[in-house]
Amino acid sequence: MESKPRGTGAVAAGRVLQEFEPKMEWDRELGVDTLRVFLPGFKKEQIKVQVSSSRVLRISGERQLSDNRWSCFLEKIPLSSNHNQKEISASYDKGILYVKHPKLIVQDDAELQENEQPPVESSTLDGKPPQEKALQPTKMDKDKAAKGLVSGAQKLNMESYSKDFSGLVVDMTKPRKLLNLVLFILSVVVLGMYARKAISWSFKKSEN
């Protein structure tokens, strides 16, 4: 809030009062709020700071500009319910008035961070409550699940390959009787084919 003139021409006991609105800023800290009022040109004894029983901070002041012209201001600021009315103090240094407002309840850093976070709404744009939205898998969860499926499939493939290979080894280590039986059957088939051809050739020769 910048200093602004409030008007001229007010006359009090032969004086012309020039009212203005001083610039004010708040400094919010953990255990105390400090109000800074910028009053260049004023002296400490020209400023009054009072707190009423109705919890209103009253800051006023006036200084002489010329023979009958005076600069003056008056600010009334309601106190917060968390400000300790009995512990309010003021100091003035280099044209700035500092009014400290100690707090009745001091919040720690964690509570301040929670209060600064925006409130969680009961519903979202998609119409689902926050609890259901939180249960939905994220992209990271989907990637992990996909990797788990791939690794599981690879493991199954390796196990089946190992089983097939082990079965092949078992088949190769069977007794030689099986191999001899196969060779015998093949020899019988071959001999049967040759015998059939020989009989057919003999029959044709006898006809001629």
C-alpha atoms as a PDB file:
ATOM      1  CA  MET A   1       0.000   0.000   0.000  1.00  0.00           C
ATOM      2  CA  GLU A   2       1.644   3.214  -1.143  1.00  0.00           C
ATOM      3  CA  SER A   3       1.413   6.595   0.581  1.00  0.00           C
ATOM      4  CA  LYS A   4      -1.533   8.531  -0.831  1.00  0.00           C
ATOM      5  CA  PRO A   5      -2.823  12.006   0.017  1.00  0.00           C
ATOM      6  CA  ARG A   6      -6.316  11.917   1.497  1.00  0.00           C
ATOM      7  CA  GLY A   7      -7.111  15.598   0.971  1.00  0.00           C
ATOM      8  CA  THR A   8      -6.291  19.105   2.079  1.00  0.00           C
ATOM      9  CA  GLY A   9      -8.202  21.970   3.572  1.00  0.00           C
ATOM     10  CA  ALA A  10      -9.182  20.471   6.928  1.00  0.00           C
ATOM     11  CA  VAL A  11      -8.814  23.169   9.577  1.00  0.00           C
ATOM     12  CA  ALA A  12      -8.208  22.412  13.273  1.00  0.00           C
ATOM     13  CA  ALA A  13      -7.403  25.206  15.739  1.00  0.00           C
ATOM     14  CA  GLY A  14      -6.089  27.469  13.029  1.00  0.00           C
ATOM     15  CA  ARG A  15      -4.098  24.677  11.371  1.00  0.00           C
ATOM     16  CA  VAL A  16      -4.512  23.272   7.874  1.00  0.00           C
ATOM     17  CA  LEU A  17      -4.239  19.480   8.021  1.00  0.00           C
ATOM     18  CA  GLN A  18      -3.052  17.522   5.010  1.00  0.00           C
ATOM     19  CA  GLU A  19      -4.070  13.902   5.478  1.00  0.00           C
ATOM     20  CA  PHE A  20      -2.360  10.990   3.680  1.00  0.00           C
ATOM     21  CA  GLU A  21      -2.397   7.200   3.679  1.00  0.00           C
ATOM     22  CA  PRO A  22       1.043   5.722   4.451  1.00  0.00           C
ATOM     23  CA  LYS A  23       2.477   2.689   2.652  1.00  0.00           C
ATOM     24  CA  MET A  24       2.257  -0.523   4.715  1.00  0.00           C
ATOM     25  CA  GLU A  25       3.640  -4.042   4.290  1.00  0.00           C
ATOM     26  CA  TRP A  26       3.370  -7.290   6.287  1.00  0.00           C
ATOM     27  CA  ASP A  27       6.251  -9.647   7.062  1.00  0.00           C
ATOM     28  CA  ARG A  28       4.865 -13.089   7.967  1.00  0.00           C
ATOM     29  CA  GLU A  29       7.154 -15.244  10.107  1.00  0.00           C
ATOM     30  CA  LEU A  30       6.824 -18.430  12.158  1.00  0.00           C
ATOM     31  CA  GLY A  31       6.039 -16.890  15.561  1.00  0.00           C
ATOM     32  CA  VAL A  32       5.315 -13.256  14.781  1.00  0.00           C
ATOM     33  CA  ASP A  33       3.815 -11.012  12.102  1.00  0.00           C
ATOM     34  CA  THR A  34       5.449  -7.611  11.624  1.00  0.00           C
ATOM     35  CA  LEU A  35       3.667  -4.618  10.123  1.00  0.00           C
ATOM     36  CA  ARG A  36       5.948  -2.086   8.451  1.00  0.00           C
ATOM     37  CA  VAL A  37       4.602   1.449   8.046  1.00  0.00           C
ATOM     38  CA  PHE A  38       6.681   3.794   5.888  1.00  0.00           C
ATOM     39  CA  LEU A  39       6.686   7.311   7.383  1.00  0.00           C
ATOM     40  CA  PRO A  40       9.538   9.315   5.824  1.00  0.00           C
ATOM     41  CA  GLY A  41      10.086  12.694   7.439  1.00  0.00           C
ATOM     42  CA  PHE A  42       8.400  11.760  10.716  1.00  0.00           C
ATOM     43  CA  LYS A  43      10.096  11.631  14.090  1.00  0.00           C
ATOM     44  CA  LYS A  44       9.456   9.028  16.775  1.00  0.00           C
ATOM     45  CA  GLU A  45       7.702  11.471  19.086  1.00  0.00           C
ATOM     46  CA  GLN A  46       5.298  12.462  16.285  1.00  0.00           C
ATOM     47  CA  ILE A  47       3.845   8.915  16.043  1.00  0.00           C
ATOM     48  CA  LYS A  48       1.331   7.179  18.310  1.00  0.00           C
ATOM     49  CA  VAL A  49       0.575   3.429  18.449  1.00  0.00           C
ATOM     50  CA  GLN A  50      -2.431   2.275  20.489  1.00  0.00           C
ATOM     51  CA  VAL A  51      -4.419  -0.961  20.903  1.00  0.00           C
ATOM     52  CA  SER A  52      -8.057  -0.651  21.897  1.00  0.00           C
ATOM     53  CA  SER A  53     -10.032  -3.060  24.059  1.00  0.00           C
ATOM     54  CA  SER A  54     -11.979  -4.091  20.945  1.00  0.00           C
ATOM     55  CA  ARG A  55      -8.730  -5.459  19.427  1.00  0.00           C
ATOM     56  CA  VAL A  56      -8.124  -2.639  16.958  1.00  0.00           C
ATOM     57  CA  LEU A  57      -4.610  -1.339  16.286  1.00  0.00           C
ATOM     58  CA  ARG A  58      -4.616   2.469  15.963  1.00  0.00           C
ATOM     59  CA  ILE A  59      -1.602   4.196  14.358  1.00  0.00           C
ATOM     60  CA  SER A  60      -1.608   7.980  13.998  1.00  0.00           C
ATOM     61  CA  GLY A  61       0.809  10.832  13.563  1.00  0.00           C
ATOM     62  CA  GLU A  62       1.252  14.426  12.461  1.00  0.00           C
ATOM     63  CA  ARG A  63       4.130  16.734  11.637  1.00  0.00           C
ATOM     64  CA  GLN A  64       4.421  20.390  10.706  1.00  0.00           C
ATOM     65  CA  LEU A  65       5.101  21.240   7.087  1.00  0.00           C
ATOM     66  CA  SER A  66       4.998  25.055   7.362  1.00  0.00           C
ATOM     67  CA  ASP A  67       3.609  27.709   9.681  1.00  0.00           C
ATOM     68  CA  ASN A  68       0.003  26.475   9.698  1.00  0.00           C
ATOM     69  CA  ARG A  69       0.157  23.384   7.452  1.00  0.00           C
ATOM     70  CA  TRP A  70       0.440  19.944   9.008  1.00  0.00           C
ATOM     71  CA  SER A  71       0.749  16.450   7.537  1.00  0.00           C
ATOM     72  CA  CYS A  72      -1.222  13.812   9.392  1.00  0.00           C
ATOM     73  CA  PHE A  73      -2.527  10.237   9.070  1.00  0.00           C
ATOM     74  CA  LEU A  74      -4.673   7.743  10.950  1.00  0.00           C
ATOM     75  CA  GLU A  75      -4.847   3.966  10.344  1.00  0.00           C
ATOM     76  CA  LYS A  76      -7.103   1.486  12.132  1.00  0.00           C
ATOM     77  CA  ILE A  77      -6.234  -2.209  11.694  1.00  0.00           C
ATOM     78  CA  PRO A  78      -8.272  -5.030  13.296  1.00  0.00           C
ATOM     79  CA  LEU A  79      -6.126  -7.626  15.058  1.00  0.00           C
ATOM     80  CA  SER A  80      -6.187 -11.272  14.049  1.00  0.00           C
ATOM     81  CA  SER A  81      -7.624 -13.741  16.555  1.00  0.00           C
ATOM     82  CA  ASN A  82      -4.193 -15.428  16.687  1.00  0.00           C
ATOM     83  CA  HIS A  83      -2.328 -12.232  17.624  1.00  0.00           C
ATOM     84  CA  ASN A  84      -1.438 -11.694  21.277  1.00  0.00           C
ATOM     85  CA  GLN A  85      -2.922  -8.294  22.045  1.00  0.00           C
ATOM     86  CA  LYS A  86      -0.891  -7.841  25.249  1.00  0.00           C
ATOM     87  CA  GLU A  87       2.468  -8.491  23.579  1.00  0.00           C
ATOM     88  CA  ILE A  88       2.220  -6.078  20.625  1.00  0.00           C
ATOM     89  CA  SER A  89       5.240  -3.774  20.457  1.00  0.00           C
ATOM     90  CA  ALA A  90       6.440  -0.978  18.167  1.00  0.00           C
ATOM     91  CA  SER A  91       9.781   0.501  17.178  1.00  0.00           C
ATOM     92  CA  TYR A  92      10.816   3.239  14.748  1.00  0.00           C
ATOM     93  CA  ASP A  93      13.999   3.329  12.706  1.00  0.00           C
ATOM     94  CA  LYS A  94      15.016   5.405   9.672  1.00  0.00           C
ATOM     95  CA  GLY A  95      11.525   6.429   8.632  1.00  0.00           C
ATOM     96  CA  ILE A  96       9.937   2.973   9.092  1.00  0.00           C
ATOM     97  CA  LEU A  97       7.585   2.013  11.937  1.00  0.00           C
ATOM     98  CA  TYR A  98       7.765  -1.683  12.937  1.00  0.00           C
ATOM     99  CA  VAL A  99       4.758  -3.083  14.802  1.00  0.00           C
ATOM    100  CA  LYS A 100       5.287  -6.682  15.932  1.00  0.00           C
ATOM    101  CA  HIS A 101       2.263  -8.966  16.422  1.00  0.00           C
ATOM    102  CA  PRO A 102       3.285 -12.102  18.403  1.00  0.00           C
ATOM    103  CA  LYS A 103       1.130 -15.165  17.742  1.00  0.00           C
ATOM    104  CA  LEU A 104      -0.834 -17.089  20.353  1.00  0.00           C
ATOM    105  CA  ILE A 105      -0.511 -20.410  18.496  1.00  0.00           C
ATOM    106  CA  VAL A 106       2.754 -21.011  16.675  1.00  0.00           C
ATOM    107  CA  GLN A 107       2.603 -23.523  13.827  1.00  0.00           C
ATOM    108  CA  ASP A 108       5.648 -25.600  12.991  1.00  0.00           C
ATOM    109  CA  ASP A 109       7.131 -25.824   9.490  1.00  0.00           C
ATOM    110  CA  ALA A 110       5.212 -29.003   8.606  1.00  0.00           C
ATOM    111  CA  GLU A 111       1.855 -27.409   9.482  1.00  0.00           C
ATOM    112  CA  LEU A 112       2.704 -24.281   7.514  1.00  0.00           C
ATOM    113  CA  GLN A 113       3.523 -26.371   4.438  1.00  0.00           C
ATOM    114  CA  GLU A 114       0.244 -28.290   4.804  1.00  0.00           C
ATOM    115  CA  ASN A 115      -1.709 -25.045   5.041  1.00  0.00           C
ATOM    116  CA  GLU A 116      -0.008 -23.701   1.929  1.00  0.00           C
ATOM    117  CA  GLN A 117      -1.050 -26.736  -0.128  1.00  0.00           C
ATOM    118  CA  PRO A 118      -4.317 -26.385  -2.079  1.00  0.00           C
ATOM    119  CA  PRO A 119      -7.308 -28.247  -0.596  1.00  0.00           C
ATOM    120  CA  VAL A 120      -8.179 -31.648  -2.039  1.00  0.00           C
ATOM    121  CA  GLU A 121     -11.533 -31.590  -3.772  1.00  0.00           C
ATOM    122  CA  SER A 122     -14.060 -34.346  -3.178  1.00  0.00           C
ATOM    123  CA  SER A 123     -14.423 -34.970  -6.908  1.00  0.00           C
ATOM    124  CA  THR A 124     -12.245 -34.561  -9.950  1.00  0.00           C
ATOM    125  CA  LEU A 125     -12.884 -33.600 -13.537  1.00  0.00           C
ATOM    126  CA  ASP A 126     -13.411 -37.217 -14.579  1.00  0.00           C
ATOM    127  CA  GLY A 127     -16.082 -37.687 -11.897  1.00  0.00           C
ATOM    128  CA  LYS A 128     -14.094 -40.177  -9.814  1.00  0.00           C
ATOM    129  CA  PRO A 129     -13.308 -39.586  -6.133  1.00  0.00           C
ATOM    130  CA  PRO A 130      -9.622 -39.103  -5.179  1.00  0.00           C
ATOM    131  CA  GLN A 131      -9.510 -42.531  -3.450  1.00  0.00           C
ATOM    132  CA  GLU A 132     -10.402 -44.367  -6.640  1.00  0.00           C
ATOM    133  CA  LYS A 133      -8.079 -42.213  -8.684  1.00  0.00           C
ATOM    134  CA  ALA A 134      -5.184 -43.037  -6.374  1.00  0.00           C
ATOM    135  CA  LEU A 135      -5.780 -46.786  -6.828  1.00  0.00           C
ATOM    136  CA  GLN A 136      -5.374 -46.576 -10.591  1.00  0.00           C
ATOM    137  CA  PRO A 137      -1.962 -47.840 -11.772  1.00  0.00           C
ATOM    138  CA  THR A 138       0.531 -45.262 -12.855  1.00  0.00           C
ATOM    139  CA  LYS A 139       2.724 -45.445 -15.939  1.00  0.00           C
ATOM    140  CA  MET A 140       5.645 -46.624 -13.814  1.00  0.00           C
ATOM    141  CA  ASP A 141       3.546 -49.449 -12.386  1.00  0.00           C
ATOM    142  CA  LYS A 142       2.495 -50.504 -15.892  1.00  0.00           C
ATOM    143  CA  ASP A 143       6.138 -50.504 -17.059  1.00  0.00           C
ATOM    144  CA  LYS A 144       7.153 -52.646 -14.091  1.00  0.00           C
ATOM    145  CA  ALA A 145       4.287 -55.053 -14.756  1.00  0.00           C
ATOM    146  CA  ALA A 146       5.244 -55.296 -18.436  1.00  0.00           C
ATOM    147  CA  LYS A 147       8.855 -56.014 -17.508  1.00  0.00           C
ATOM    148  CA  GLY A 148       7.687 -58.675 -15.064  1.00  0.00           C
ATOM    149  CA  LEU A 149       5.582 -60.365 -17.760  1.00  0.00           C
ATOM    150  CA  VAL A 150       8.472 -60.326 -20.205  1.00  0.00           C
ATOM    151  CA  SER A 151      10.910 -61.723 -17.685  1.00  0.00           C
ATOM    152  CA  GLY A 152       8.351 -64.363 -16.660  1.00  0.00           C
ATOM    153  CA  ALA A 153       7.783 -65.383 -20.291  1.00  0.00           C
ATOM    154  CA  GLN A 154      11.532 -65.596 -20.857  1.00  0.00           C
ATOM    155  CA  LYS A 155      11.852 -67.765 -17.757  1.00  0.00           C
ATOM    156  CA  LEU A 156       9.106 -70.121 -18.992  1.00  0.00           C
ATOM    157  CA  ASN A 157      10.752 -70.369 -22.407  1.00  0.00           C
ATOM    158  CA  MET A 158      14.096 -71.208 -20.830  1.00  0.00           C
ATOM    159  CA  GLU A 159      12.481 -73.848 -18.617  1.00  0.00           C
ATOM    160  CA  SER A 160      10.647 -75.465 -21.540  1.00  0.00           C
ATOM    161  CA  TYR A 161      13.828 -75.416 -23.621  1.00  0.00           C
ATOM    162  CA  SER A 162      15.702 -77.060 -20.772  1.00  0.00           C
ATOM    163  CA  LYS A 163      13.021 -79.737 -20.502  1.00  0.00           C
ATOM    164  CA  ASP A 164      13.090 -80.446 -24.258  1.00  0.00           C
ATOM    165  CA  PHE A 165      16.862 -80.612 -24.256  1.00  0.00           C
ATOM    166  CA  SER A 166      16.922 -82.880 -21.235  1.00  0.00           C
ATOM    167  CA  GLY A 167      14.349 -85.150 -22.922  1.00  0.00           C
ATOM    168  CA  LEU A 168      16.541 -85.351 -26.000  1.00  0.00           C
ATOM    169  CA  VAL A 169      19.484 -86.382 -23.867  1.00  0.00           C
ATOM    170  CA  VAL A 170      17.388 -89.059 -22.197  1.00  0.00           C
ATOM    171  CA  ASP A 171      16.288 -90.388 -25.579  1.00  0.00           C
ATOM    172  CA  MET A 172      19.880 -90.528 -26.784  1.00  0.00           C
ATOM    173  CA  THR A 173      20.934 -92.513 -23.726  1.00  0.00           C
ATOM    174  CA  LYS A 174      18.315 -95.295 -24.143  1.00  0.00           C
ATOM    175  CA  PRO A 175      19.624 -98.881 -24.537  1.00  0.00           C
ATOM    176  CA  ARG A 176      21.023 -99.935 -27.885  1.00  0.00           C
ATOM    177  CA  LYS A 177      18.227-102.490 -28.218  1.00  0.00           C
ATOM    178  CA  LEU A 178      15.921 -99.765 -29.487  1.00  0.00           C
ATOM    179  CA  LEU A 179      18.449 -98.751 -32.139  1.00  0.00           C
ATOM    180  CA  ASN A 180      18.983-102.383 -33.152  1.00  0.00           C
ATOM    181  CA  LEU A 181      15.230-102.864 -33.450  1.00  0.00           C
ATOM    182  CA  VAL A 182      14.923 -99.862 -35.749  1.00  0.00           C
ATOM    183  CA  LEU A 183      17.779-101.125 -37.937  1.00  0.00           C
ATOM    184  CA  PHE A 184      16.168-104.567 -38.117  1.00  0.00           C
ATOM    185  CA  ILE A 185      12.835-103.143 -39.200  1.00  0.00           C
ATOM    186  CA  LEU A 186      14.523-101.031 -41.866  1.00  0.00           C
ATOM    187  CA  SER A 187      16.428-104.038 -43.184  1.00  0.00           C
ATOM    188  CA  VAL A 188      13.235-106.109 -43.354  1.00  0.00           C
ATOM    189  CA  VAL A 189      11.493-103.379 -45.295  1.00  0.00           C
ATOM    190  CA  VAL A 190      14.376-103.048 -47.743  1.00  0.00           C
ATOM    191  CA  LEU A 191      14.641-106.809 -48.285  1.00  0.00           C
ATOM    192  CA  GLY A 192      10.887-107.011 -48.805  1.00  0.00           C
ATOM    193  CA  MET A 193      11.071-104.355 -51.503  1.00  0.00           C
ATOM    194  CA  TYR A 194      13.891-106.175 -53.307  1.00  0.00           C
ATOM    195  CA  ALA A 195      12.075-109.525 -53.029  1.00  0.00           C
ATOM    196  CA  ARG A 196       8.928-108.021 -54.444  1.00  0.00           C
ATOM    197  CA  LYS A 197      10.798-106.613 -57.411  1.00  0.00           C
ATOM    198  CA  ALA A 198      12.525-109.962 -58.022  1.00  0.00           C
ATOM    199  CA  ILE A 199       9.254-111.894 -58.005  1.00  0.00           C
ATOM    200  CA  SER A 200       7.673-109.430 -60.381  1.00  0.00           C
ATOM    201  CA  TRP A 201      10.666-109.717 -62.774  1.00  0.00           C
ATOM    202  CA  SER A 202      10.513-113.542 -62.729  1.00  0.00           C
ATOM    203  CA  PHE A 203       6.787-113.536 -63.486  1.00  0.00           C
ATOM    204  CA  LYS A 204       7.223-111.269 -66.466  1.00  0.00           C
ATOM    205  CA  LYS A 205      10.076-113.468 -67.813  1.00  0.00           C
ATOM    206  CA  SER A 206       8.011-116.647 -67.574  1.00  0.00           C
ATOM    207  CA  GLU A 207       5.178-115.059 -69.531  1.00  0.00           C
ATOM    208  CA  ASN A 208       7.557-114.174 -72.328  1.00  0.00           C
END
